[in-house]
Amino acid sequence: MRYFIEFAYNGTSYHGWQRQPNAISVQQVLEEALSLLLRQKINVVGAGRTDAGVHAKQMFAHLDVAKKLDVNELVKRLNNYLPKDIAIKRIFPVKADAHARFDATLRAYEYIIVPFKDPFSQESAHHVFLPLDVEVMNQEAKDLIGRQDFECFSKSHTDVHTYFCTITQAGWQKVGDKLVFTIAADRFLRNMVRAVVGTLLDVGLHKKPSGHIKKVIASKSRGEAGVSVPAKGLYLTRVEYSDIEIDE
């Protein structure tokens, strides 16, 4: 039987979602916990990959087991066993061909900036003390919308078949005393959101002129985009599926 797991994690202590040969990952910790509690070897397939230090407010993965699970009991046992920085929200049965990664139709991220020295957000946000022109950053963000080749924002030497992504939302807004960038797309390239944010910050700091995003995208060159901002401010916030059915 196939099950989906919905969970969240603070990525500070992990070398990303995906298993690594010489570093701890969220996937490894989750698989080891499931294997121990279910007394069988469990492999999970995540909805995507987050880099080292990136957080997830909502993440999905699927796993296969031979027998029906008491999902409510398993959620309790997992949350009691797992470290405090990983939390299971729910587990539910799905059709045998449902896929956490390939069936996802949308993924959304937030990047959080704090404009002042704050000891309580050192590991959860990026601090930018210089004034930012939010209006011009939002104007530039509009040029991200649509289906485009985003090779310029991709990590070099990435094994992908295409650099095309369809971005449906991109913009900044003030939330309390923080500045939050929200971006949603059908898929993202490795390091893409952090590179996008770094490029928009260059415009917001008036280091680059208006129209810079269009020029960077047209160049298809990572060297034309801004530096990648720190991972600690990035959160996977939403993963959507159009036709995943709960298989009762």
C-alpha atoms as a PDB file:
ATOM      1  CA  MET A   1       0.000   0.000   0.000  1.00  0.00           C
ATOM      2  CA  ARG A   2       1.152   3.526  -0.725  1.00  0.00           C
ATOM      3  CA  TYR A   3       0.876   6.361   1.798  1.00  0.00           C
ATOM      4  CA  PHE A   4       1.555  10.069   1.699  1.00  0.00           C
ATOM      5  CA  ILE A   5       3.178  11.800   4.664  1.00  0.00           C
ATOM      6  CA  GLU A   6       2.721  15.518   5.268  1.00  0.00           C
ATOM      7  CA  PHE A   7       5.369  17.009   7.539  1.00  0.00           C
ATOM      8  CA  ALA A   8       7.425  20.094   8.389  1.00  0.00           C
ATOM      9  CA  TYR A   9      10.992  20.670   9.454  1.00  0.00           C
ATOM     10  CA  ASN A  10      13.518  23.236  10.558  1.00  0.00           C
ATOM     11  CA  GLY A  11      16.430  22.693   8.214  1.00  0.00           C
ATOM     12  CA  THR A  12      19.145  24.363  10.287  1.00  0.00           C
ATOM     13  CA  SER A  13      20.778  21.120  11.438  1.00  0.00           C
ATOM     14  CA  TYR A  14      20.425  19.230   8.146  1.00  0.00           C
ATOM     15  CA  HIS A  15      22.347  19.029   4.903  1.00  0.00           C
ATOM     16  CA  GLY A  16      19.126  19.404   2.951  1.00  0.00           C
ATOM     17  CA  TRP A  17      16.266  16.995   2.318  1.00  0.00           C
ATOM     18  CA  GLN A  18      18.016  14.374   0.191  1.00  0.00           C
ATOM     19  CA  ARG A  19      20.240  11.625   1.611  1.00  0.00           C
ATOM     20  CA  GLN A  20      23.935  12.463   1.545  1.00  0.00           C
ATOM     21  CA  PRO A  21      26.880  10.041   1.840  1.00  0.00           C
ATOM     22  CA  ASN A  22      28.696  11.987   4.550  1.00  0.00           C
ATOM     23  CA  ALA A  23      26.133  14.352   6.084  1.00  0.00           C
ATOM     24  CA  ILE A  24      22.820  14.100   7.934  1.00  0.00           C
ATOM     25  CA  SER A  25      19.654  14.838   5.946  1.00  0.00           C
ATOM     26  CA  VAL A  26      15.934  15.040   6.699  1.00  0.00           C
ATOM     27  CA  GLN A  27      15.239  12.096   4.392  1.00  0.00           C
ATOM     28  CA  GLN A  28      17.705   9.898   6.259  1.00  0.00           C
ATOM     29  CA  VAL A  29      16.251  10.741   9.666  1.00  0.00           C
ATOM     30  CA  LEU A  30      12.687  10.144   8.486  1.00  0.00           C
ATOM     31  CA  GLU A  31      13.524   6.849   6.761  1.00  0.00           C
ATOM     32  CA  GLU A  32      15.392   5.538   9.789  1.00  0.00           C
ATOM     33  CA  ALA A  33      12.490   6.424  12.095  1.00  0.00           C
ATOM     34  CA  LEU A  34       9.924   4.772   9.827  1.00  0.00           C
ATOM     35  CA  SER A  35      12.077   1.676   9.358  1.00  0.00           C
ATOM     36  CA  LEU A  36      12.475   1.263  13.102  1.00  0.00           C
ATOM     37  CA  LEU A  37       8.821   1.803  14.008  1.00  0.00           C
ATOM     38  CA  LEU A  38       7.432  -0.306  11.155  1.00  0.00           C
ATOM     39  CA  ARG A  39      10.128  -2.983  11.502  1.00  0.00           C
ATOM     40  CA  GLN A  40      10.921  -3.046   7.800  1.00  0.00           C
ATOM     41  CA  LYS A  41      13.172  -1.166   5.407  1.00  0.00           C
ATOM     42  CA  ILE A  42      11.369   2.023   4.365  1.00  0.00           C
ATOM     43  CA  ASN A  43      12.344   4.370   1.551  1.00  0.00           C
ATOM     44  CA  VAL A  44      10.524   7.656   1.073  1.00  0.00           C
ATOM     45  CA  VAL A  45      10.245   9.827  -2.039  1.00  0.00           C
ATOM     46  CA  GLY A  46       9.915  13.540  -1.341  1.00  0.00           C
ATOM     47  CA  ALA A  47       7.977  16.179  -3.254  1.00  0.00           C
ATOM     48  CA  GLY A  48      11.245  17.957  -3.974  1.00  0.00           C
ATOM     49  CA  ARG A  49      14.696  18.726  -2.661  1.00  0.00           C
ATOM     50  CA  THR A  50      15.575  21.521  -0.288  1.00  0.00           C
ATOM     51  CA  ASP A  51      19.187  22.628   0.091  1.00  0.00           C
ATOM     52  CA  ALA A  52      21.209  22.578   3.294  1.00  0.00           C
ATOM     53  CA  GLY A  53      19.719  24.910   5.882  1.00  0.00           C
ATOM     54  CA  VAL A  54      16.414  25.454   4.043  1.00  0.00           C
ATOM     55  CA  HIS A  55      13.212  24.914   6.034  1.00  0.00           C
ATOM     56  CA  ALA A  56       9.841  23.423   5.085  1.00  0.00           C
ATOM     57  CA  LYS A  57       6.507  24.444   6.564  1.00  0.00           C
ATOM     58  CA  GLN A  58       4.797  21.904   4.310  1.00  0.00           C
ATOM     59  CA  MET A  59       6.457  18.934   2.646  1.00  0.00           C
ATOM     60  CA  PHE A  60       5.101  15.659   1.298  1.00  0.00           C
ATOM     61  CA  ALA A  61       6.672  12.281   0.698  1.00  0.00           C
ATOM     62  CA  HIS A  62       5.328   8.851  -0.209  1.00  0.00           C
ATOM     63  CA  LEU A  63       6.240   5.370   1.038  1.00  0.00           C
ATOM     64  CA  ASP A  64       5.148   1.810   0.307  1.00  0.00           C
ATOM     65  CA  VAL A  65       4.317  -0.832   2.921  1.00  0.00           C
ATOM     66  CA  ALA A  66       2.933  -4.344   2.705  1.00  0.00           C
ATOM     67  CA  LYS A  67       0.018  -3.903   5.090  1.00  0.00           C
ATOM     68  CA  LYS A  68      -2.533  -1.314   6.138  1.00  0.00           C
ATOM     69  CA  LEU A  69      -1.272   1.195   8.697  1.00  0.00           C
ATOM     70  CA  ASP A  70      -2.957   2.699  11.724  1.00  0.00           C
ATOM     71  CA  VAL A  71      -2.076   6.163  10.511  1.00  0.00           C
ATOM     72  CA  ASN A  72      -3.138   8.101  13.608  1.00  0.00           C
ATOM     73  CA  GLU A  73      -1.072   5.866  15.853  1.00  0.00           C
ATOM     74  CA  LEU A  74       1.915   6.084  13.530  1.00  0.00           C
ATOM     75  CA  VAL A  75       1.769   9.886  13.509  1.00  0.00           C
ATOM     76  CA  LYS A  76       1.894   9.892  17.315  1.00  0.00           C
ATOM     77  CA  ARG A  77       4.745   7.399  17.472  1.00  0.00           C
ATOM     78  CA  LEU A  78       6.780   9.236  14.854  1.00  0.00           C
ATOM     79  CA  ASN A  79       6.375  12.596  16.578  1.00  0.00           C
ATOM     80  CA  ASN A  80       7.443  11.050  19.874  1.00  0.00           C
ATOM     81  CA  TYR A  81      10.513   9.483  18.254  1.00  0.00           C
ATOM     82  CA  LEU A  82      11.689  12.096  15.783  1.00  0.00           C
ATOM     83  CA  PRO A  83      13.870  15.048  16.856  1.00  0.00           C
ATOM     84  CA  LYS A  84      12.097  18.262  17.758  1.00  0.00           C
ATOM     85  CA  ASP A  85      12.947  19.915  14.441  1.00  0.00           C
ATOM     86  CA  ILE A  86      10.851  17.464  12.371  1.00  0.00           C
ATOM     87  CA  ALA A  87       7.073  17.240  12.856  1.00  0.00           C
ATOM     88  CA  ILE A  88       4.612  14.869  11.180  1.00  0.00           C
ATOM     89  CA  LYS A  89       1.246  16.482  10.380  1.00  0.00           C
ATOM     90  CA  ARG A  90      -0.645  13.548   8.871  1.00  0.00           C
ATOM     91  CA  ILE A  91      -0.336  10.248   6.994  1.00  0.00           C
ATOM     92  CA  PHE A  92      -2.966   9.078   4.524  1.00  0.00           C
ATOM     93  CA  PRO A  93      -3.402   6.229   2.009  1.00  0.00           C
ATOM     94  CA  VAL A  94      -3.352   6.990  -1.701  1.00  0.00           C
ATOM     95  CA  LYS A  95      -3.649   5.103  -4.961  1.00  0.00           C
ATOM     96  CA  ALA A  96      -0.720   2.839  -5.820  1.00  0.00           C
ATOM     97  CA  ASP A  97       0.511   5.104  -8.635  1.00  0.00           C
ATOM     98  CA  ALA A  98       0.326   8.400  -6.706  1.00  0.00           C
ATOM     99  CA  HIS A  99       3.741  10.091  -6.665  1.00  0.00           C
ATOM    100  CA  ALA A 100       4.810  12.784  -4.192  1.00  0.00           C
ATOM    101  CA  ARG A 101       7.207  14.414  -6.631  1.00  0.00           C
ATOM    102  CA  PHE A 102       5.837  13.909 -10.131  1.00  0.00           C
ATOM    103  CA  ASP A 103       2.179  14.531  -9.252  1.00  0.00           C
ATOM    104  CA  ALA A 104       2.859  17.861  -7.541  1.00  0.00           C
ATOM    105  CA  THR A 105       1.459  20.692  -9.645  1.00  0.00           C
ATOM    106  CA  LEU A 106       2.671  23.676  -7.623  1.00  0.00           C
ATOM    107  CA  ARG A 107       5.319  24.502  -5.067  1.00  0.00           C
ATOM    108  CA  ALA A 108       5.546  27.789  -3.166  1.00  0.00           C
ATOM    109  CA  TYR A 109       8.412  29.311  -1.206  1.00  0.00           C
ATOM    110  CA  GLU A 110       8.843  32.282   1.086  1.00  0.00           C
ATOM    111  CA  TYR A 111      12.057  34.152   1.777  1.00  0.00           C
ATOM    112  CA  ILE A 112      12.174  36.227   4.954  1.00  0.00           C
ATOM    113  CA  ILE A 113      14.259  39.355   5.452  1.00  0.00           C
ATOM    114  CA  VAL A 114      14.644  41.218   8.733  1.00  0.00           C
ATOM    115  CA  PRO A 115      15.780  44.854   8.335  1.00  0.00           C
ATOM    116  CA  PHE A 116      17.342  45.234  11.787  1.00  0.00           C
ATOM    117  CA  LYS A 117      19.618  43.355  14.172  1.00  0.00           C
ATOM    118  CA  ASP A 118      17.513  40.666  15.806  1.00  0.00           C
ATOM    119  CA  PRO A 119      19.062  37.953  18.006  1.00  0.00           C
ATOM    120  CA  PHE A 120      15.888  35.857  17.725  1.00  0.00           C
ATOM    121  CA  SER A 121      16.013  35.411  13.949  1.00  0.00           C
ATOM    122  CA  GLN A 122      19.679  34.639  13.444  1.00  0.00           C
ATOM    123  CA  GLU A 123      18.910  31.140  12.127  1.00  0.00           C
ATOM    124  CA  SER A 124      15.534  31.837  10.546  1.00  0.00           C
ATOM    125  CA  ALA A 125      15.882  34.961   8.398  1.00  0.00           C
ATOM    126  CA  HIS A 126      18.352  36.998   6.363  1.00  0.00           C
ATOM    127  CA  HIS A 127      19.299  40.363   7.851  1.00  0.00           C
ATOM    128  CA  VAL A 128      19.548  43.293   5.434  1.00  0.00           C
ATOM    129  CA  PHE A 129      20.222  46.579   7.201  1.00  0.00           C
ATOM    130  CA  LEU A 130      20.352  48.909   4.191  1.00  0.00           C
ATOM    131  CA  PRO A 131      17.060  50.397   2.947  1.00  0.00           C
ATOM    132  CA  LEU A 132      15.353  48.434   0.172  1.00  0.00           C
ATOM    133  CA  ASP A 133      13.197  49.876  -2.604  1.00  0.00           C
ATOM    134  CA  VAL A 134      10.312  47.408  -2.302  1.00  0.00           C
ATOM    135  CA  GLU A 135       8.302  49.070  -5.054  1.00  0.00           C
ATOM    136  CA  VAL A 136      11.003  48.587  -7.669  1.00  0.00           C
ATOM    137  CA  MET A 137      11.641  45.019  -6.464  1.00  0.00           C
ATOM    138  CA  ASN A 138       7.979  44.223  -7.020  1.00  0.00           C
ATOM    139  CA  GLN A 139       8.091  45.762 -10.491  1.00  0.00           C
ATOM    140  CA  GLU A 140      11.088  43.570 -11.327  1.00  0.00           C
ATOM    141  CA  ALA A 141       9.412  40.489  -9.855  1.00  0.00           C
ATOM    142  CA  LYS A 142       6.602  40.816 -12.428  1.00  0.00           C
ATOM    143  CA  ASP A 143       9.132  39.924 -15.136  1.00  0.00           C
ATOM    144  CA  LEU A 144       9.530  36.491 -13.542  1.00  0.00           C
ATOM    145  CA  ILE A 145       5.912  35.531 -14.198  1.00  0.00           C
ATOM    146  CA  GLY A 146       5.168  33.006 -16.939  1.00  0.00           C
ATOM    147  CA  ARG A 147       6.867  30.047 -18.578  1.00  0.00           C
ATOM    148  CA  GLN A 148      10.514  30.925 -19.234  1.00  0.00           C
ATOM    149  CA  ASP A 149      14.015  29.491 -19.413  1.00  0.00           C
ATOM    150  CA  PHE A 150      15.524  30.196 -15.984  1.00  0.00           C
ATOM    151  CA  GLU A 151      18.987  28.748 -16.548  1.00  0.00           C
ATOM    152  CA  CYS A 152      20.420  32.029 -15.237  1.00  0.00           C
ATOM    153  CA  PHE A 153      19.139  31.210 -11.749  1.00  0.00           C
ATOM    154  CA  SER A 154      20.157  27.547 -11.692  1.00  0.00           C
ATOM    155  CA  LYS A 155      23.097  26.066  -9.874  1.00  0.00           C
ATOM    156  CA  SER A 156      25.847  25.147 -12.346  1.00  0.00           C
ATOM    157  CA  HIS A 157      26.301  21.558 -13.540  1.00  0.00           C
ATOM    158  CA  THR A 158      22.792  20.528 -12.523  1.00  0.00           C
ATOM    159  CA  ASP A 159      21.449  17.324 -14.054  1.00  0.00           C
ATOM    160  CA  VAL A 160      18.117  18.520 -15.485  1.00  0.00           C
ATOM    161  CA  HIS A 161      16.471  17.994 -18.858  1.00  0.00           C
ATOM    162  CA  THR A 162      15.056  21.511 -19.111  1.00  0.00           C
ATOM    163  CA  TYR A 163      15.488  24.896 -17.462  1.00  0.00           C
ATOM    164  CA  PHE A 164      11.922  25.952 -18.254  1.00  0.00           C
ATOM    165  CA  CYS A 165       9.635  26.663 -15.289  1.00  0.00           C
ATOM    166  CA  THR A 166       6.241  28.340 -15.068  1.00  0.00           C
ATOM    167  CA  ILE A 167       6.136  30.933 -12.302  1.00  0.00           C
ATOM    168  CA  THR A 168       2.620  31.964 -11.306  1.00  0.00           C
ATOM    169  CA  GLN A 169       3.351  34.260  -8.346  1.00  0.00           C
ATOM    170  CA  ALA A 170       6.299  36.423  -7.358  1.00  0.00           C
ATOM    171  CA  GLY A 171       6.243  39.440  -5.060  1.00  0.00           C
ATOM    172  CA  TRP A 172       7.290  41.152  -1.860  1.00  0.00           C
ATOM    173  CA  GLN A 173       5.157  42.308   1.025  1.00  0.00           C
ATOM    174  CA  LYS A 174       5.720  43.617   4.523  1.00  0.00           C
ATOM    175  CA  VAL A 175       4.502  41.228   7.204  1.00  0.00           C
ATOM    176  CA  GLY A 176       4.810  42.868  10.593  1.00  0.00           C
ATOM    177  CA  ASP A 177       8.409  44.032  10.901  1.00  0.00           C
ATOM    178  CA  LYS A 178       9.647  41.581   8.256  1.00  0.00           C
ATOM    179  CA  LEU A 179       9.864  41.674   4.475  1.00  0.00           C
ATOM    180  CA  VAL A 180       8.633  38.472   2.814  1.00  0.00           C
ATOM    181  CA  PHE A 181       9.141  37.346  -0.782  1.00  0.00           C
ATOM    182  CA  THR A 182       6.649  34.758  -2.046  1.00  0.00           C
ATOM    183  CA  ILE A 183       7.171  32.770  -5.229  1.00  0.00           C
ATOM    184  CA  ALA A 184       5.151  29.879  -6.666  1.00  0.00           C
ATOM    185  CA  ALA A 185       5.799  27.692  -9.714  1.00  0.00           C
ATOM    186  CA  ASP A 186       5.206  24.277 -11.187  1.00  0.00           C
ATOM    187  CA  ARG A 187       8.855  23.410 -10.530  1.00  0.00           C
ATOM    188  CA  PHE A 188      12.082  25.023  -9.357  1.00  0.00           C
ATOM    189  CA  LEU A 189      15.714  24.541 -10.303  1.00  0.00           C
ATOM    190  CA  ARG A 190      18.430  23.933  -7.745  1.00  0.00           C
ATOM    191  CA  ASN A 191      19.303  27.118  -5.848  1.00  0.00           C
ATOM    192  CA  MET A 192      16.810  29.032  -8.007  1.00  0.00           C
ATOM    193  CA  VAL A 193      14.833  30.912  -5.348  1.00  0.00           C
ATOM    194  CA  ARG A 194      17.932  32.069  -3.474  1.00  0.00           C
ATOM    195  CA  ALA A 195      19.453  33.341  -6.729  1.00  0.00           C
ATOM    196  CA  VAL A 196      16.223  35.131  -7.662  1.00  0.00           C
ATOM    197  CA  VAL A 197      16.093  36.841  -4.267  1.00  0.00           C
ATOM    198  CA  GLY A 198      19.750  37.877  -4.490  1.00  0.00           C
ATOM    199  CA  THR A 199      19.130  39.396  -7.921  1.00  0.00           C
ATOM    200  CA  LEU A 200      16.044  41.294  -6.758  1.00  0.00           C
ATOM    201  CA  LEU A 201      17.979  42.631  -3.769  1.00  0.00           C
ATOM    202  CA  ASP A 202      20.587  44.074  -6.134  1.00  0.00           C
ATOM    203  CA  VAL A 203      17.805  46.097  -7.770  1.00  0.00           C
ATOM    204  CA  GLY A 204      16.224  47.000  -4.430  1.00  0.00           C
ATOM    205  CA  LEU A 205      19.565  48.322  -3.199  1.00  0.00           C
ATOM    206  CA  HIS A 206      19.932  50.279  -6.480  1.00  0.00           C
ATOM    207  CA  LYS A 207      23.037  48.337  -7.409  1.00  0.00           C
ATOM    208  CA  LYS A 208      21.326  47.370 -10.656  1.00  0.00           C
ATOM    209  CA  PRO A 209      18.884  49.384 -12.805  1.00  0.00           C
ATOM    210  CA  SER A 210      15.257  48.666 -13.558  1.00  0.00           C
ATOM    211  CA  GLY A 211      14.867  46.026 -16.247  1.00  0.00           C
ATOM    212  CA  HIS A 212      17.726  43.995 -14.814  1.00  0.00           C
ATOM    213  CA  ILE A 213      15.661  40.821 -14.339  1.00  0.00           C
ATOM    214  CA  LYS A 214      14.712  40.726 -18.038  1.00  0.00           C
ATOM    215  CA  LYS A 215      18.357  41.105 -19.046  1.00  0.00           C
ATOM    216  CA  VAL A 216      19.494  38.371 -16.645  1.00  0.00           C
ATOM    217  CA  ILE A 217      16.863  35.907 -17.910  1.00  0.00           C
ATOM    218  CA  ALA A 218      17.768  36.660 -21.541  1.00  0.00           C
ATOM    219  CA  SER A 219      21.449  36.049 -20.824  1.00  0.00           C
ATOM    220  CA  LYS A 220      20.891  32.475 -19.550  1.00  0.00           C
ATOM    221  CA  SER A 221      24.077  33.040 -17.539  1.00  0.00           C
ATOM    222  CA  ARG A 222      24.327  32.393 -13.809  1.00  0.00           C
ATOM    223  CA  GLY A 223      27.132  34.927 -13.725  1.00  0.00           C
ATOM    224  CA  GLU A 224      24.735  37.733 -14.671  1.00  0.00           C
ATOM    225  CA  ALA A 225      22.398  37.029 -11.719  1.00  0.00           C
ATOM    226  CA  GLY A 226      22.984  38.109  -8.139  1.00  0.00           C
ATOM    227  CA  VAL A 227      24.617  36.074  -5.391  1.00  0.00           C
ATOM    228  CA  SER A 228      22.569  33.395  -3.655  1.00  0.00           C
ATOM    229  CA  VAL A 229      21.179  34.682  -0.379  1.00  0.00           C
ATOM    230  CA  PRO A 230      21.672  32.539   2.764  1.00  0.00           C
ATOM    231  CA  ALA A 231      19.575  29.373   3.028  1.00  0.00           C
ATOM    232  CA  LYS A 232      18.342  30.163   6.540  1.00  0.00           C
ATOM    233  CA  GLY A 233      15.724  32.640   5.265  1.00  0.00           C
ATOM    234  CA  LEU A 234      14.098  30.221   2.805  1.00  0.00           C
ATOM    235  CA  TYR A 235      10.952  28.183   3.519  1.00  0.00           C
ATOM    236  CA  LEU A 236       9.043  25.709   1.376  1.00  0.00           C
ATOM    237  CA  THR A 237       5.521  26.706   2.377  1.00  0.00           C
ATOM    238  CA  ARG A 238       3.117  24.860   0.084  1.00  0.00           C
ATOM    239  CA  VAL A 239       2.962  21.829  -2.191  1.00  0.00           C
ATOM    240  CA  GLU A 240      -0.221  21.271  -4.197  1.00  0.00           C
ATOM    241  CA  TYR A 241      -1.658  18.268  -6.018  1.00  0.00           C
ATOM    242  CA  SER A 242      -4.545  18.359  -8.470  1.00  0.00           C
ATOM    243  CA  ASP A 243      -5.784  14.782  -8.411  1.00  0.00           C
ATOM    244  CA  ILE A 244      -4.390  12.831  -5.465  1.00  0.00           C
ATOM    245  CA  GLU A 245      -7.180  10.672  -4.084  1.00  0.00           C
ATOM    246  CA  ILE A 246      -7.240   9.345  -0.554  1.00  0.00           C
ATOM    247  CA  ASP A 247      -7.612   5.580  -0.879  1.00  0.00           C
ATOM    248  CA  GLU A 248      -9.725   4.482   2.051  1.00  0.00           C
END
